[in-house]
Amino acid sequence: MRVVESHSPAETYELGRRIGLGAKPGQIFCLNGDLGTGKTVFTQGFAAGLGITEAVNSPTFTIVQVYDEGRLPLYHFDVYRIDDIDEMDEIGYEDYFFGHGVCLVEWSSQIEELIPEDAVHIVLEKDLEKGFDFRRIIVSESER
């Protein structure tokens, strides 16, 4: 586990970009944090690290957005609105989770029972005492 302190959206983006540069086919990245902690900024950096140049936004109403222009396909999930785990079956999540691209799952705690053990977990936290833009980003990688 490593803890990174970010003092600006640009630093959060850059951390995402660096992690995206190292992403490998079949990896799943779980992204959790309260609203407004920088999950979308991190994801935009992550996508840039994969070589994706199109606009990346949170797929809140579609659950999954596919970006396939980078060095690896990115399957960007936002499962905040999942009420029933069966909804993941309906969208064919296994094709994405066990495919040749990279999955980034926002609000993964909503579907915890579906997340493989070897997923990378990233938590973004605010600490307003350290400033409005301060984020503590905790990255826990599997021991694979």
Protein backbone atom coordinates (compact mmCIF):
# COMPACT_ATOMS: atom_id res chain seq x y z
CA MET A 1 0.00 0.00 0.00
CA ARG A 2 1.20 3.47 -0.76
CA VAL A 3 -0.24 6.83 0.21
CA VAL A 4 0.14 9.82 -2.09
CA GLU A 5 -0.74 13.37 -1.10
CA SER A 6 -2.12 15.52 -3.89
CA HIS A 7 -2.38 19.28 -3.51
CA SER A 8 -4.15 20.04 -6.79
CA PRO A 9 -6.33 18.50 -9.50
CA ALA A 10 -3.23 18.55 -11.73
CA GLU A 11 -1.35 16.33 -9.25
CA THR A 12 -4.32 13.94 -9.00
CA TYR A 13 -4.47 13.78 -12.82
CA GLU A 14 -0.72 13.10 -13.00
CA LEU A 15 -0.94 10.23 -10.52
CA GLY A 16 -3.75 8.73 -12.61
CA ARG A 17 -1.64 9.17 -15.76
CA ARG A 18 1.36 7.41 -14.21
CA ILE A 19 -0.76 4.49 -13.04
CA GLY A 20 -2.41 4.31 -16.49
CA LEU A 21 1.03 4.16 -18.13
CA GLY A 22 1.79 1.00 -16.13
CA ALA A 23 -1.61 -0.67 -16.56
CA LYS A 24 -1.61 -4.18 -18.01
CA PRO A 25 -4.27 -6.13 -19.92
CA GLY A 26 -6.84 -7.70 -17.62
CA GLN A 27 -6.18 -5.41 -14.66
CA ILE A 28 -9.07 -4.04 -12.64
CA PHE A 29 -8.73 -0.76 -10.77
CA CYS A 30 -11.33 0.02 -8.11
CA LEU A 31 -11.81 3.71 -7.45
CA ASN A 32 -13.62 4.83 -4.32
CA GLY A 33 -14.15 8.12 -2.54
CA ASP A 34 -16.91 10.51 -1.65
CA LEU A 35 -18.47 12.82 -4.23
CA GLY A 36 -16.05 15.55 -5.21
CA THR A 37 -12.85 13.79 -4.19
CA GLY A 38 -11.39 13.72 -7.71
CA LYS A 39 -12.37 10.32 -9.11
CA THR A 40 -13.16 11.79 -12.52
CA VAL A 41 -9.92 13.82 -12.63
CA PHE A 42 -7.95 10.71 -11.67
CA THR A 43 -9.76 8.71 -14.37
CA GLN A 44 -9.01 11.35 -17.00
CA GLY A 45 -5.32 11.09 -16.13
CA PHE A 46 -5.50 7.29 -16.15
CA ALA A 47 -7.04 7.37 -19.64
CA ALA A 48 -4.30 9.75 -20.82
CA GLY A 49 -1.73 7.24 -19.54
CA LEU A 50 -3.35 4.65 -21.81
CA GLY A 51 -3.07 7.04 -24.77
CA ILE A 52 -6.77 7.93 -24.90
CA THR A 53 -7.30 11.46 -26.18
CA GLU A 54 -11.10 11.67 -26.34
CA ALA A 55 -13.03 13.34 -23.52
CA VAL A 56 -13.50 11.06 -20.52
CA ASN A 57 -16.41 11.66 -18.18
CA SER A 58 -18.14 9.58 -15.56
CA PRO A 59 -20.64 7.15 -17.16
CA THR A 60 -23.13 7.60 -14.32
CA PHE A 61 -26.23 6.88 -16.39
CA THR A 62 -24.79 4.23 -18.72
CA ILE A 63 -22.83 2.22 -16.11
CA VAL A 64 -19.97 1.47 -18.54
CA GLN A 65 -18.21 3.54 -21.17
CA VAL A 66 -15.74 1.92 -23.56
CA TYR A 67 -12.69 3.77 -24.86
CA ASP A 68 -10.72 1.74 -27.38
CA GLU A 69 -8.38 4.23 -29.01
CA GLY A 70 -5.50 3.79 -26.53
CA ARG A 71 -2.81 1.13 -26.26
CA LEU A 72 -5.37 -0.95 -24.32
CA PRO A 73 -9.16 -0.67 -24.26
CA LEU A 74 -10.46 1.10 -21.16
CA TYR A 75 -13.75 -0.07 -19.67
CA HIS A 76 -14.83 2.74 -17.37
CA PHE A 77 -17.59 1.73 -14.96
CA ASP A 78 -19.58 3.95 -12.63
CA VAL A 79 -21.70 1.64 -10.49
CA TYR A 80 -22.98 4.28 -8.07
CA ARG A 81 -26.57 3.75 -9.23
CA ILE A 82 -26.49 -0.07 -9.15
CA ASP A 83 -29.39 -1.19 -6.94
CA ASP A 84 -29.21 -4.90 -7.66
CA ILE A 85 -26.03 -6.85 -8.39
CA ASP A 86 -27.92 -8.66 -11.20
CA GLU A 87 -27.71 -5.42 -13.20
CA MET A 88 -24.00 -6.17 -13.67
CA ASP A 89 -24.88 -9.54 -15.23
CA GLU A 90 -27.30 -7.78 -17.57
CA ILE A 91 -24.53 -5.58 -18.97
CA GLY A 92 -22.15 -8.54 -19.31
CA TYR A 93 -19.57 -7.32 -16.81
CA GLU A 94 -17.57 -10.56 -17.04
CA ASP A 95 -16.69 -9.80 -20.68
CA TYR A 96 -15.08 -6.59 -19.46
CA PHE A 97 -13.58 -7.82 -16.17
CA PHE A 98 -11.98 -10.85 -17.79
CA GLY A 99 -11.25 -9.36 -21.21
CA HIS A 100 -8.08 -7.95 -22.75
CA GLY A 101 -8.59 -4.34 -21.70
CA VAL A 102 -8.31 -2.49 -18.41
CA CYS A 103 -11.29 -1.87 -16.12
CA LEU A 104 -11.62 1.17 -13.91
CA VAL A 105 -14.61 0.85 -11.58
CA GLU A 106 -15.86 3.93 -9.74
CA TRP A 107 -17.83 3.20 -6.55
CA SER A 108 -16.65 -0.44 -6.65
CA SER A 109 -17.77 -0.92 -3.05
CA GLN A 110 -21.32 -1.15 -4.50
CA ILE A 111 -20.38 -4.43 -6.22
CA GLU A 112 -17.70 -5.68 -3.85
CA GLU A 113 -18.68 -9.34 -4.22
CA LEU A 114 -17.90 -9.24 -7.96
CA ILE A 115 -14.44 -7.69 -7.65
CA PRO A 116 -11.59 -10.19 -8.13
CA GLU A 117 -9.03 -10.53 -5.32
CA ASP A 118 -6.19 -9.22 -7.49
CA ALA A 119 -7.84 -5.86 -8.20
CA VAL A 120 -5.97 -2.65 -7.42
CA HIS A 121 -7.90 -0.51 -4.92
CA ILE A 122 -7.56 3.27 -4.97
CA VAL A 123 -9.27 5.46 -2.38
CA LEU A 124 -9.42 9.24 -2.63
CA GLU A 125 -10.03 11.22 0.56
CA LYS A 126 -10.39 14.92 1.30
CA ASP A 127 -8.89 16.62 4.35
CA LEU A 128 -10.20 20.18 4.39
CA GLU A 129 -7.84 21.08 7.23
CA LYS A 130 -5.00 20.66 4.73
CA GLY A 131 -6.74 22.75 2.04
CA PHE A 132 -9.63 22.62 -0.38
CA ASP A 133 -7.63 20.82 -3.11
CA PHE A 134 -5.77 18.42 -0.80
CA ARG A 135 -6.39 14.71 -1.46
CA ARG A 136 -4.96 11.66 0.25
CA ILE A 137 -4.84 8.88 -2.33
CA ILE A 138 -4.33 5.36 -1.04
CA VAL A 139 -3.26 2.75 -3.59
CA SER A 140 -3.45 -0.90 -2.51
CA GLU A 141 -2.10 -3.33 -5.06
CA SER A 142 -2.56 -7.06 -4.96
CA GLU A 143 0.32 -9.39 -4.16
CA ARG A 144 0.02 -11.18 -7.50
